[in-house]
Structure formats: C-alpha cells, structure tokens
Amino acid sequence: MYGPHSDEPAPGGLTVKDLVVTYSGEPPVEAVRGVSLTIGHGETVALLGPSGCGKSSLLGAVVGIVEPAAGVVAWNDEDLTRTPVHKRRFGMVFQDGQLFPHLDVAGNIAFGPRMAGVAPGARHERVEELLEMVGLDGLGSRDVAELSGGQRQRVALARSLAAKPRLIALDEPLSALDAQLRTRLAKDVRDILRSQGVSALLVTHDPAEAETMAHRVLRMEAGLLV
C-alpha cells in the first residue's frame, strides 16, 4: 500500500480515461476535455489550477455527482461510470464541510455506518476511534454550530472516513480557513489519509497545499491536464 514506507502505489485503484464533462448552453461548455489519470491504492493526487479550469467538474464526475458526456471512471478495472453515487464507496469532503445541522458531532460521523446498517455498538466504537484520530475526542455530543471552521472540517473528514471508503474526494477542503490553520490542517489531513491507507483526489488552487497533502500534483488548465 502506498504510504510513507513505500515508493510506489499498489496496482489497481482509480482509473479515469478520456473523460469529458459538458454543460448545456449556447454554445455548450466543455469543462473537462478528454482527461485521463490514475490514483493508486493509498495514493493522494492533487488537481491544481485556477477557478473555472474544470478540476471540480472532474472530481464531481469521479464521485458520480456529475454525469460525464464521454469517458470511463473505473475502480480496480470495474467500470463505475454509470454507477450511482451511493454504490461507488467513495467519500467526499466539501469546502464548507456540509455537516448535518440537526445532528451533533457523533451523529454526523455515525451517519454513514448507520445508513449501512452497522450495529449501534460497532458504530459507537468507530465514532470514538475517528474522534480521537481527528483530534476531537470528547466532543461527540457537541452541537456542530458551536465548532470552529477547522473543527468542522475535521468532523467532515471523520464522517467521510466512517464508512471506510476506498477513495475520498476533497473539494477545496481548507480554502475557507485562515492561512496558519490551513497549513497545520493540511499536514494533519495528509497524515490521517496515509495512516488509513485510503486513496484521495484533492482539488485545490493552493500550490503549497497540494505539495503538502499529495503524493503527486497534476496541473489543470482549460479542462485539460497540462
């Protein structure tokens, strides 16, 4: 498995081939123009580029919230291009966390396992494990509205990890935070992802964040990798 003690990712993982994302309009907009990439097991790859370059559209097509016009998204050679979001076993962390306001911290983290039918005892153990992992142990009963921005993103990461996804997509996850906190949390998120051996696709416009968090950085411009 790819990580601090290995030089190469294990075979398999994510394969994106000749992916095209088009948005309707006059004329139609081709946001992603035949992009191909791979992400190995346990590897983090960053898509770096300015706003409007197509990186979030590419990420959306990978996780299944954007329907591609052409191309293939596969995991371990299994074609997932038309597979619904909830069946891909991919997690996602958004810029603002998008936590459930009616649930406390523990409830947010336990949401995925609860939907998957995990028994209450096992859910509780997983939540406690993740709270400790993201540095929020003891805050399970906290209202999410009382959390700082950095704490909210830690909860969002823990929620994504709770269901043990094979890949996590991170869409500008730290951009709303101040520079000092962003630098510290980038290192923490990197270490957590690598300790869990989960693959990740990171979208960011920040070169320092990309270099800190990713094994590889791919630059994107006008819908293409450059």
Foldseek 3Di string as FASTA:
>chain_A
DDFPVDDDADPWFKWWFQWWAWAVDVHIATLAGGEIDGWGFLFEEEEADDPSLNQVVVLCQQLAVGQTPDTFIDTRPHTCNPPHNVPQLEAEAEQQLPFDQVAFLLCRLLVVVVVVVNDPVVSVVLSQVLCVLLVNHPRRRPRLVPDDSLVSLSSSVSSRPSNPGQEYEYENHQVVDDPVSSLVVLLSVLVSSNVSRHYYYYYDNDPVSRVNRGPYYWYTGNNYTD
